[in-house]
PDB file of all heavy atoms in Angstrom:
ATOM      1  N   TYR A   1     -10.119  18.368   8.893  1.00  0.00           N
ATOM      2  CA  TYR A   1     -11.518  18.604   9.384  1.00  0.00           C
ATOM      3  C   TYR A   1     -12.269  17.260   9.397  1.00  0.00           C
ATOM      4  O   TYR A   1     -12.293  16.503   8.418  1.00  0.00           O
ATOM      5  CB  TYR A   1     -12.240  19.624   8.535  1.00  0.00           C
ATOM      6  CG  TYR A   1     -13.653  19.969   9.009  1.00  0.00           C
ATOM      7  CD1 TYR A   1     -13.789  20.846  10.057  1.00  0.00           C
ATOM      8  CD2 TYR A   1     -14.793  19.443   8.370  1.00  0.00           C
ATOM      9  CE1 TYR A   1     -15.083  21.160  10.533  1.00  0.00           C
ATOM     10  CE2 TYR A   1     -16.070  19.702   8.849  1.00  0.00           C
ATOM     11  CZ  TYR A   1     -16.187  20.610   9.910  1.00  0.00           C
ATOM     12  OH  TYR A   1     -17.459  20.915  10.318  1.00  0.00           O
ATOM     13  N   SER A   2     -12.878  16.965  10.534  1.00  0.00           N
ATOM     14  CA  SER A   2     -13.647  15.684  10.794  1.00  0.00           C
ATOM     15  C   SER A   2     -12.714  14.491  10.804  1.00  0.00           C
ATOM     16  O   SER A   2     -13.187  13.320  10.736  1.00  0.00           O
ATOM     17  CB  SER A   2     -14.725  15.482   9.732  1.00  0.00           C
ATOM     18  OG  SER A   2     -15.766  16.451   9.886  1.00  0.00           O
ATOM     19  N   GLY A   3     -11.369  14.701  10.906  1.00  0.00           N
ATOM     20  CA  GLY A   3     -10.426  13.614  10.837  1.00  0.00           C
ATOM     21  C   GLY A   3     -10.618  12.684  12.050  1.00  0.00           C
ATOM     22  O   GLY A   3     -10.633  11.451  11.837  1.00  0.00           O
ATOM     23  N   LEU A   4     -10.796  13.206  13.223  1.00  0.00           N
ATOM     24  CA  LEU A   4     -11.025  12.345  14.415  1.00  0.00           C
ATOM     25  C   LEU A   4     -12.332  11.508  14.245  1.00  0.00           C
ATOM     26  O   LEU A   4     -12.319  10.341  14.600  1.00  0.00           O
ATOM     27  CB  LEU A   4     -11.123  13.182  15.665  1.00  0.00           C
ATOM     28  CG  LEU A   4     -11.390  12.407  16.999  1.00  0.00           C
ATOM     29  CD1 LEU A   4     -10.287  11.470  17.311  1.00  0.00           C
ATOM     30  CD2 LEU A   4     -11.657  13.370  18.107  1.00  0.00           C
ATOM     31  N   LEU A   5     -13.353  12.128  13.757  1.00  0.00           N
ATOM     32  CA  LEU A   5     -14.607  11.437  13.555  1.00  0.00           C
ATOM     33  C   LEU A   5     -14.430  10.220  12.645  1.00  0.00           C
ATOM     34  O   LEU A   5     -14.998   9.146  12.887  1.00  0.00           O
ATOM     35  CB  LEU A   5     -15.714  12.334  13.006  1.00  0.00           C
ATOM     36  CG  LEU A   5     -16.390  13.290  14.027  1.00  0.00           C
ATOM     37  CD1 LEU A   5     -17.461  14.090  13.314  1.00  0.00           C
ATOM     38  CD2 LEU A   5     -17.034  12.455  15.154  1.00  0.00           C
ATOM     39  N   TRP A   6     -13.674  10.429  11.563  1.00  0.00           N
ATOM     40  CA  TRP A   6     -13.460   9.335  10.610  1.00  0.00           C
ATOM     41  C   TRP A   6     -12.576   8.177  11.214  1.00  0.00           C
ATOM     42  O   TRP A   6     -12.817   7.014  10.922  1.00  0.00           O
ATOM     43  CB  TRP A   6     -12.847   9.793   9.279  1.00  0.00           C
ATOM     44  CG  TRP A   6     -13.892  10.455   8.425  1.00  0.00           C
ATOM     45  CD1 TRP A   6     -14.047  11.777   8.146  1.00  0.00           C
ATOM     46  CD2 TRP A   6     -14.961   9.796   7.745  1.00  0.00           C
ATOM     47  NE1 TRP A   6     -15.162  12.011   7.369  1.00  0.00           N
ATOM     48  CE2 TRP A   6     -15.713  10.796   7.093  1.00  0.00           C
ATOM     49  CE3 TRP A   6     -15.325   8.482   7.594  1.00  0.00           C
ATOM     50  CZ2 TRP A   6     -16.827  10.443   6.317  1.00  0.00           C
ATOM     51  CZ3 TRP A   6     -16.405   8.204   6.848  1.00  0.00           C
ATOM     52  CH2 TRP A   6     -17.171   9.146   6.195  1.00  0.00           C
ATOM     53  N   VAL A   7     -11.648   8.565  12.068  1.00  0.00           N
ATOM     54  CA  VAL A   7     -10.881   7.582  12.771  1.00  0.00           C
ATOM     55  C   VAL A   7     -11.805   6.724  13.709  1.00  0.00           C
ATOM     56  O   VAL A   7     -11.737   5.505  13.715  1.00  0.00           O
ATOM     57  CB  VAL A   7      -9.730   8.193  13.589  1.00  0.00           C
ATOM     58  CG1 VAL A   7      -9.074   7.167  14.490  1.00  0.00           C
ATOM     59  CG2 VAL A   7      -8.705   8.814  12.686  1.00  0.00           C
ATOM     60  N   VAL A   8     -12.633   7.410  14.458  1.00  0.00           N
ATOM     61  CA  VAL A   8     -13.574   6.773  15.332  1.00  0.00           C
ATOM     62  C   VAL A   8     -14.516   5.882  14.570  1.00  0.00           C
ATOM     63  O   VAL A   8     -14.834   4.775  14.899  1.00  0.00           O
ATOM     64  CB  VAL A   8     -14.373   7.823  16.162  1.00  0.00           C
ATOM     65  CG1 VAL A   8     -15.534   7.179  16.952  1.00  0.00           C
ATOM     66  CG2 VAL A   8     -13.442   8.540  17.107  1.00  0.00           C
ATOM     67  N   ARG A   9     -15.010   6.397  13.399  1.00  0.00           N
ATOM     68  CA  ARG A   9     -15.957   5.616  12.582  1.00  0.00           C
ATOM     69  C   ARG A   9     -15.285   4.341  12.069  1.00  0.00           C
ATOM     70  O   ARG A   9     -15.955   3.322  12.022  1.00  0.00           O
ATOM     71  CB  ARG A   9     -16.487   6.481  11.432  1.00  0.00           C
ATOM     72  CG  ARG A   9     -17.489   7.546  11.861  1.00  0.00           C
ATOM     73  CD  ARG A   9     -17.648   8.569  10.716  1.00  0.00           C
ATOM     74  NE  ARG A   9     -18.659   9.595  11.147  1.00  0.00           N
ATOM     75  CZ  ARG A   9     -18.786  10.779  10.499  1.00  0.00           C
ATOM     76  NH1 ARG A   9     -18.050  11.060   9.400  1.00  0.00           N
ATOM     77  NH2 ARG A   9     -19.683  11.609  10.890  1.00  0.00           N
ATOM     78  N   LEU A  10     -14.016   4.481  11.647  1.00  0.00           N
ATOM     79  CA  LEU A  10     -13.346   3.317  11.117  1.00  0.00           C
ATOM     80  C   LEU A  10     -13.168   2.242  12.226  1.00  0.00           C
ATOM     81  O   LEU A  10     -13.363   1.032  12.006  1.00  0.00           O
ATOM     82  CB  LEU A  10     -11.913   3.742  10.640  1.00  0.00           C
ATOM     83  CG  LEU A  10     -11.046   2.618  10.109  1.00  0.00           C
ATOM     84  CD1 LEU A  10     -11.674   1.905   8.910  1.00  0.00           C
ATOM     85  CD2 LEU A  10      -9.690   3.177   9.714  1.00  0.00           C
ATOM     86  N   VAL A  11     -12.749   2.692  13.419  1.00  0.00           N
ATOM     87  CA  VAL A  11     -12.608   1.774  14.573  1.00  0.00           C
ATOM     88  C   VAL A  11     -13.931   1.128  14.924  1.00  0.00           C
ATOM     89  O   VAL A  11     -14.046  -0.109  15.153  1.00  0.00           O
ATOM     90  CB  VAL A  11     -12.078   2.526  15.803  1.00  0.00           C
ATOM     91  CG1 VAL A  11     -12.083   1.613  17.021  1.00  0.00           C
ATOM     92  CG2 VAL A  11     -10.634   2.996  15.580  1.00  0.00           C
ATOM     93  N   LEU A  12     -15.034   1.892  14.872  1.00  0.00           N
ATOM     94  CA  LEU A  12     -16.358   1.383  15.167  1.00  0.00           C
ATOM     95  C   LEU A  12     -16.806   0.344  14.118  1.00  0.00           C
ATOM     96  O   LEU A  12     -17.395  -0.652  14.489  1.00  0.00           O
ATOM     97  CB  LEU A  12     -17.355   2.476  15.318  1.00  0.00           C
ATOM     98  CG  LEU A  12     -17.242   3.321  16.585  1.00  0.00           C
ATOM     99  CD1 LEU A  12     -18.304   4.515  16.522  1.00  0.00           C
ATOM    100  CD2 LEU A  12     -17.434   2.554  17.848  1.00  0.00           C
ATOM    101  N   VAL A  13     -16.593   0.667  12.854  1.00  0.00           N
ATOM    102  CA  VAL A  13     -16.988  -0.259  11.784  1.00  0.00           C
ATOM    103  C   VAL A  13     -16.258  -1.569  11.892  1.00  0.00           C
ATOM    104  O   VAL A  13     -16.850  -2.623  11.788  1.00  0.00           O
ATOM    105  CB  VAL A  13     -16.752   0.373  10.397  1.00  0.00           C
ATOM    106  CG1 VAL A  13     -16.872  -0.661   9.314  1.00  0.00           C
ATOM    107  CG2 VAL A  13     -17.779   1.522  10.178  1.00  0.00           C
ATOM    108  N   LEU A  14     -14.931  -1.513  12.076  1.00  0.00           N
ATOM    109  CA  LEU A  14     -14.122  -2.714  12.237  1.00  0.00           C
ATOM    110  C   LEU A  14     -14.551  -3.496  13.500  1.00  0.00           C
ATOM    111  O   LEU A  14     -14.671  -4.707  13.471  1.00  0.00           O
ATOM    112  CB  LEU A  14     -12.698  -2.338  12.370  1.00  0.00           C
ATOM    113  CG  LEU A  14     -12.004  -1.758  11.124  1.00  0.00           C
ATOM    114  CD1 LEU A  14     -10.545  -1.370  11.360  1.00  0.00           C
ATOM    115  CD2 LEU A  14     -12.066  -2.788   9.942  1.00  0.00           C
ATOM    116  N   SER A  15     -14.875  -2.801  14.580  1.00  0.00           N
ATOM    117  CA  SER A  15     -15.339  -3.425  15.780  1.00  0.00           C
ATOM    118  C   SER A  15     -16.653  -4.098  15.588  1.00  0.00           C
ATOM    119  O   SER A  15     -16.942  -5.218  16.075  1.00  0.00           O
ATOM    120  CB  SER A  15     -15.414  -2.430  16.919  1.00  0.00           C
ATOM    121  OG  SER A  15     -14.177  -1.931  17.249  1.00  0.00           O
ATOM    122  N   LEU A  16     -17.540  -3.420  14.828  1.00  0.00           N
ATOM    123  CA  LEU A  16     -18.864  -3.950  14.551  1.00  0.00           C
ATOM    124  C   LEU A  16     -18.773  -5.241  13.735  1.00  0.00           C
ATOM    125  O   LEU A  16     -19.449  -6.229  13.992  1.00  0.00           O
ATOM    126  CB  LEU A  16     -19.689  -2.924  13.854  1.00  0.00           C
ATOM    127  CG  LEU A  16     -21.114  -3.306  13.442  1.00  0.00           C
ATOM    128  CD1 LEU A  16     -21.970  -3.597  14.725  1.00  0.00           C
ATOM    129  CD2 LEU A  16     -21.775  -2.253  12.622  1.00  0.00           C
ATOM    130  N   VAL A  17     -17.948  -5.212  12.703  1.00  0.00           N
ATOM    131  CA  VAL A  17     -17.756  -6.378  11.841  1.00  0.00           C
ATOM    132  C   VAL A  17     -17.233  -7.546  12.708  1.00  0.00           C
ATOM    133  O   VAL A  17     -17.712  -8.692  12.663  1.00  0.00           O
ATOM    134  CB  VAL A  17     -16.763  -6.078  10.706  1.00  0.00           C
ATOM    135  CG1 VAL A  17     -16.332  -7.355   9.974  1.00  0.00           C
ATOM    136  CG2 VAL A  17     -17.363  -5.089   9.735  1.00  0.00           C
ATOM    137  N   GLY A  18     -16.215  -7.279  13.533  1.00  0.00           N
ATOM    138  CA  GLY A  18     -15.687  -8.307  14.404  1.00  0.00           C
ATOM    139  C   GLY A  18     -16.705  -8.831  15.371  1.00  0.00           C
ATOM    140  O   GLY A  18     -16.819  -9.990  15.639  1.00  0.00           O
ATOM    141  N   HIS A  19     -17.478  -7.895  15.991  1.00  0.00           N
ATOM    142  CA  HIS A  19     -18.486  -8.318  16.999  1.00  0.00           C
ATOM    143  C   HIS A  19     -19.579  -9.143  16.416  1.00  0.00           C
ATOM    144  O   HIS A  19     -19.978 -10.176  16.946  1.00  0.00           O
ATOM    145  CB  HIS A  19     -19.080  -7.050  17.569  1.00  0.00           C
ATOM    146  CG  HIS A  19     -19.673  -7.204  18.937  1.00  0.00           C
ATOM    147  ND1 HIS A  19     -18.925  -7.439  20.097  1.00  0.00           N
ATOM    148  CD2 HIS A  19     -20.987  -7.229  19.289  1.00  0.00           C
ATOM    149  CE1 HIS A  19     -19.761  -7.595  21.112  1.00  0.00           C
ATOM    150  NE2 HIS A  19     -21.033  -7.426  20.693  1.00  0.00           N
ATOM    151  N   VAL A  20     -20.088  -8.711  15.218  1.00  0.00           N
ATOM    152  CA  VAL A  20     -21.176  -9.458  14.562  1.00  0.00           C
ATOM    153  C   VAL A  20     -20.639 -10.826  14.054  1.00  0.00           C
ATOM    154  O   VAL A  20     -21.366 -11.815  14.224  1.00  0.00           O
ATOM    155  CB  VAL A  20     -21.731  -8.608  13.405  1.00  0.00           C
ATOM    156  CG1 VAL A  20     -22.748  -9.443  12.574  1.00  0.00           C
ATOM    157  CG2 VAL A  20     -22.455  -7.407  13.924  1.00  0.00           C
ATOM    158  N   TYR A  21     -19.459 -10.824  13.540  1.00  0.00           N
ATOM    159  CA  TYR A  21     -18.901 -12.116  13.024  1.00  0.00           C
ATOM    160  C   TYR A  21     -18.729 -13.064  14.190  1.00  0.00           C
ATOM    161  O   TYR A  21     -19.148 -14.251  14.068  1.00  0.00           O
ATOM    162  CB  TYR A  21     -17.519 -11.856  12.408  1.00  0.00           C
ATOM    163  CG  TYR A  21     -16.784 -13.116  12.044  1.00  0.00           C
ATOM    164  CD1 TYR A  21     -17.143 -13.889  10.922  1.00  0.00           C
ATOM    165  CD2 TYR A  21     -15.718 -13.584  12.845  1.00  0.00           C
ATOM    166  CE1 TYR A  21     -16.456 -15.081  10.613  1.00  0.00           C
ATOM    167  CE2 TYR A  21     -14.994 -14.696  12.547  1.00  0.00           C
ATOM    168  CZ  TYR A  21     -15.426 -15.488  11.408  1.00  0.00           C
ATOM    169  OH  TYR A  21     -14.801 -16.644  11.087  1.00  0.00           O
ATOM    170  N   ALA A  22     -18.178 -12.612  15.314  1.00  0.00           N
ATOM    171  CA  ALA A  22     -17.995 -13.502  16.462  1.00  0.00           C
ATOM    172  C   ALA A  22     -19.303 -13.953  16.958  1.00  0.00           C
ATOM    173  O   ALA A  22     -19.510 -15.132  17.381  1.00  0.00           O
ATOM    174  CB  ALA A  22     -17.208 -12.727  17.511  1.00  0.00           C
ATOM    175  N   ALA A  23     -20.300 -13.053  17.018  1.00  0.00           N
ATOM    176  CA  ALA A  23     -21.634 -13.414  17.552  1.00  0.00           C
ATOM    177  C   ALA A  23     -22.281 -14.494  16.714  1.00  0.00           C
ATOM    178  O   ALA A  23     -22.735 -15.492  17.250  1.00  0.00           O
ATOM    179  CB  ALA A  23     -22.533 -12.138  17.565  1.00  0.00           C
ATOM    180  N   PHE A  24     -22.231 -14.382  15.374  1.00  0.00           N
ATOM    181  CA  PHE A  24     -22.883 -15.377  14.531  1.00  0.00           C
ATOM    182  C   PHE A  24     -22.103 -16.706  14.557  1.00  0.00           C
ATOM    183  O   PHE A  24     -22.669 -17.778  14.388  1.00  0.00           O
ATOM    184  CB  PHE A  24     -23.072 -14.824  13.068  1.00  0.00           C
ATOM    185  CG  PHE A  24     -24.252 -14.010  12.954  1.00  0.00           C
ATOM    186  CD1 PHE A  24     -24.155 -12.614  12.971  1.00  0.00           C
ATOM    187  CD2 PHE A  24     -25.515 -14.547  12.791  1.00  0.00           C
ATOM    188  CE1 PHE A  24     -25.281 -11.815  12.829  1.00  0.00           C
ATOM    189  CE2 PHE A  24     -26.700 -13.776  12.612  1.00  0.00           C
ATOM    190  CZ  PHE A  24     -26.514 -12.399  12.636  1.00  0.00           C
ATOM    191  N   LYS A  25     -20.765 -16.583  14.661  1.00  0.00           N
ATOM    192  CA  LYS A  25     -19.987 -17.783  14.726  1.00  0.00           C
ATOM    193  C   LYS A  25     -20.297 -18.580  16.004  1.00  0.00           C
ATOM    194  O   LYS A  25     -20.466 -19.786  15.911  1.00  0.00           O
ATOM    195  CB  LYS A  25     -18.469 -17.377  14.754  1.00  0.00           C
ATOM    196  CG  LYS A  25     -17.502 -18.527  14.400  1.00  0.00           C
ATOM    197  CD  LYS A  25     -17.560 -18.787  12.916  1.00  0.00           C
ATOM    198  CE  LYS A  25     -16.448 -19.849  12.522  1.00  0.00           C
ATOM    199  NZ  LYS A  25     -16.515 -20.199  11.097  1.00  0.00           N
ATOM    200  N   LEU A  26     -20.374 -17.931  17.155  1.00  0.00           N
ATOM    201  CA  LEU A  26     -20.759 -18.560  18.391  1.00  0.00           C
ATOM    202  C   LEU A  26     -22.166 -19.021  18.377  1.00  0.00           C
ATOM    203  O   LEU A  26     -22.487 -20.095  18.927  1.00  0.00           O
ATOM    204  CB  LEU A  26     -20.485 -17.584  19.570  1.00  0.00           C
ATOM    205  CG  LEU A  26     -19.049 -17.220  19.836  1.00  0.00           C
ATOM    206  CD1 LEU A  26     -18.945 -16.027  20.861  1.00  0.00           C
ATOM    207  CD2 LEU A  26     -18.294 -18.427  20.371  1.00  0.00           C
ATOM    208  N   TRP A  27     -23.005 -18.267  17.783  1.00  0.00           N
ATOM    209  CA  TRP A  27     -24.427 -18.656  17.602  1.00  0.00           C
ATOM    210  C   TRP A  27     -24.512 -19.970  16.817  1.00  0.00           C
ATOM    211  O   TRP A  27     -25.214 -20.920  17.243  1.00  0.00           O
ATOM    212  CB  TRP A  27     -25.155 -17.573  16.895  1.00  0.00           C
ATOM    213  CG  TRP A  27     -26.667 -17.720  16.730  1.00  0.00           C
ATOM    214  CD1 TRP A  27     -27.376 -18.822  17.016  1.00  0.00           C
ATOM    215  CD2 TRP A  27     -27.531 -16.732  16.324  1.00  0.00           C
ATOM    216  NE1 TRP A  27     -28.737 -18.595  16.811  1.00  0.00           N
ATOM    217  CE2 TRP A  27     -28.875 -17.307  16.387  1.00  0.00           C
ATOM    218  CE3 TRP A  27     -27.498 -15.384  15.928  1.00  0.00           C
ATOM    219  CZ2 TRP A  27     -30.029 -16.573  16.059  1.00  0.00           C
ATOM    220  CZ3 TRP A  27     -28.602 -14.682  15.543  1.00  0.00           C
ATOM    221  CH2 TRP A  27     -29.887 -15.307  15.635  1.00  0.00           C
ATOM    222  N   SER A  28     -23.784 -20.057  15.705  1.00  0.00           N
ATOM    223  CA  SER A  28     -23.736 -21.284  14.891  1.00  0.00           C
ATOM    224  C   SER A  28     -23.244 -22.440  15.672  1.00  0.00           C
ATOM    225  O   SER A  28     -23.732 -23.603  15.599  1.00  0.00           O
ATOM    226  CB  SER A  28     -22.985 -20.995  13.617  1.00  0.00           C
ATOM    227  OG  SER A  28     -22.851 -22.156  12.838  1.00  0.00           O
ATOM    228  N   ARG A  29     -22.135 -22.213  16.416  1.00  0.00           N
ATOM    229  CA  ARG A  29     -21.508 -23.282  17.151  1.00  0.00           C
ATOM    230  C   ARG A  29     -22.469 -23.855  18.235  1.00  0.00           C
ATOM    231  O   ARG A  29     -22.571 -25.021  18.426  1.00  0.00           O
ATOM    232  CB  ARG A  29     -20.248 -22.832  17.770  1.00  0.00           C
ATOM    233  CG  ARG A  29     -19.060 -22.659  16.866  1.00  0.00           C
ATOM    234  CD  ARG A  29     -17.824 -22.130  17.639  1.00  0.00           C
ATOM    235  NE  ARG A  29     -16.733 -21.833  16.729  1.00  0.00           N
ATOM    236  CZ  ARG A  29     -15.614 -21.332  17.098  1.00  0.00           C
ATOM    237  NH1 ARG A  29     -15.382 -21.119  18.405  1.00  0.00           N
ATOM    238  NH2 ARG A  29     -14.633 -21.091  16.260  1.00  0.00           N
ATOM    239  N   ALA A  30     -23.180 -22.898  18.908  1.00  0.00           N
ATOM    240  CA  ALA A  30     -24.075 -23.336  19.964  1.00  0.00           C
ATOM    241  C   ALA A  30     -25.198 -24.180  19.434  1.00  0.00           C
ATOM    242  O   ALA A  30     -25.631 -25.109  20.053  1.00  0.00           O
ATOM    243  CB  ALA A  30     -24.598 -22.054  20.657  1.00  0.00           C
ATOM    244  N   ASP A  31     -25.692 -23.772  18.284  1.00  0.00           N
ATOM    245  CA  ASP A  31     -26.873 -24.449  17.694  1.00  0.00           C
ATOM    246  C   ASP A  31     -26.456 -25.863  17.169  1.00  0.00           C
ATOM    247  O   ASP A  31     -27.325 -26.778  17.122  1.00  0.00           O
ATOM    248  CB  ASP A  31     -27.441 -23.645  16.520  1.00  0.00           C
ATOM    249  CG  ASP A  31     -28.195 -22.441  17.052  1.00  0.00           C
ATOM    250  OD1 ASP A  31     -28.612 -22.424  18.198  1.00  0.00           O
ATOM    251  OD2 ASP A  31     -28.438 -21.489  16.269  1.00  0.00           O
ATOM    252  N   SER A  32     -25.235 -26.005  16.747  1.00  0.00           N
ATOM    253  CA  SER A  32     -24.818 -27.239  16.148  1.00  0.00           C
ATOM    254  C   SER A  32     -24.070 -28.237  17.134  1.00  0.00           C
ATOM    255  O   SER A  32     -23.786 -29.387  16.824  1.00  0.00           O
ATOM    256  CB  SER A  32     -23.892 -26.978  14.955  1.00  0.00           C
ATOM    257  OG  SER A  32     -22.708 -26.297  15.344  1.00  0.00           O
ATOM    258  N   ALA A  33     -23.810 -27.683  18.353  1.00  0.00           N
ATOM    259  CA  ALA A  33     -23.080 -28.444  19.290  1.00  0.00           C
ATOM    260  C   ALA A  33     -23.921 -29.669  19.789  1.00  0.00           C
ATOM    261  O   ALA A  33     -25.097 -29.578  19.978  1.00  0.00           O
ATOM    262  CB  ALA A  33     -22.692 -27.631  20.517  1.00  0.00           C
ATOM    263  N   ARG A  34     -23.237 -30.797  19.987  1.00  0.00           N
ATOM    264  CA  ARG A  34     -23.902 -31.972  20.490  1.00  0.00           C
ATOM    265  C   ARG A  34     -23.774 -32.009  22.044  1.00  0.00           C
ATOM    266  O   ARG A  34     -22.706 -31.791  22.569  1.00  0.00           O
ATOM    267  CB  ARG A  34     -23.313 -33.199  19.925  1.00  0.00           C
ATOM    268  CG  ARG A  34     -23.503 -33.356  18.423  1.00  0.00           C
ATOM    269  CD  ARG A  34     -22.887 -34.620  17.858  1.00  0.00           C
ATOM    270  NE  ARG A  34     -23.447 -35.809  18.468  1.00  0.00           N
ATOM    271  CZ  ARG A  34     -23.046 -37.040  18.298  1.00  0.00           C
ATOM    272  NH1 ARG A  34     -21.986 -37.213  17.529  1.00  0.00           N
ATOM    273  NH2 ARG A  34     -23.592 -38.066  18.877  1.00  0.00           N
ATOM    274  N   SER A  35     -24.860 -32.232  22.739  1.00  0.00           N
ATOM    275  CA  SER A  35     -24.890 -32.271  24.181  1.00  0.00           C
ATOM    276  C   SER A  35     -25.558 -33.488  24.742  1.00  0.00           C
ATOM    277  O   SER A  35     -26.460 -34.054  24.046  1.00  0.00           O
ATOM    278  CB  SER A  35     -25.556 -31.027  24.735  1.00  0.00           C
ATOM    279  OG  SER A  35     -24.916 -29.851  24.277  1.00  0.00           O
ATOM    280  N   THR A  36     -25.203 -33.887  25.943  1.00  0.00           N
ATOM    281  CA  THR A  36     -25.934 -34.942  26.589  1.00  0.00           C
ATOM    282  C   THR A  36     -27.266 -34.420  27.061  1.00  0.00           C
ATOM    283  O   THR A  36     -27.502 -33.238  27.128  1.00  0.00           O
ATOM    284  CB  THR A  36     -25.164 -35.519  27.790  1.00  0.00           C
ATOM    285  OG1 THR A  36     -25.025 -34.445  28.727  1.00  0.00           O
ATOM    286  CG2 THR A  36     -23.790 -35.938  27.356  1.00  0.00           C
ATOM    287  N   LYS A  37     -28.171 -35.345  27.455  1.00  0.00           N
ATOM    288  CA  LYS A  37     -29.506 -34.961  27.905  1.00  0.00           C
ATOM    289  C   LYS A  37     -29.380 -34.071  29.175  1.00  0.00           C
ATOM    290  O   LYS A  37     -30.055 -33.076  29.334  1.00  0.00           O
ATOM    291  CB  LYS A  37     -30.331 -36.210  28.259  1.00  0.00           C
ATOM    292  CG  LYS A  37     -31.799 -35.922  28.607  1.00  0.00           C
ATOM    293  CD  LYS A  37     -32.573 -37.210  28.803  1.00  0.00           C
ATOM    294  CE  LYS A  37     -34.001 -36.888  29.194  1.00  0.00           C
ATOM    295  NZ  LYS A  37     -34.803 -38.112  29.372  1.00  0.00           N
ATOM    296  N   TYR A  38     -28.428 -34.410  30.054  1.00  0.00           N
ATOM    297  CA  TYR A  38     -28.250 -33.668  31.295  1.00  0.00           C
ATOM    298  C   TYR A  38     -27.780 -32.260  30.946  1.00  0.00           C
ATOM    299  O   TYR A  38     -28.259 -31.270  31.499  1.00  0.00           O
ATOM    300  CB  TYR A  38     -27.230 -34.340  32.164  1.00  0.00           C
ATOM    301  CG  TYR A  38     -26.817 -33.516  33.417  1.00  0.00           C
ATOM    302  CD1 TYR A  38     -27.678 -33.421  34.534  1.00  0.00           C
ATOM    303  CD2 TYR A  38     -25.618 -32.824  33.433  1.00  0.00           C
ATOM    304  CE1 TYR A  38     -27.273 -32.693  35.644  1.00  0.00           C
ATOM    305  CE2 TYR A  38     -25.249 -32.103  34.546  1.00  0.00           C
ATOM    306  CZ  TYR A  38     -26.047 -32.028  35.642  1.00  0.00           C
ATOM    307  OH  TYR A  38     -25.708 -31.277  36.657  1.00  0.00           O
TER     308      TYR A  38
END
């Protein structure tokens, strides 16, 4: 009972962790990247 919901929740939690981690990683890289004036 509720087995499918828990599978979906697990997938969503793992996806959320991956999505947020990647977002902050890319955010950090963008802020620290060195660029030319152009």
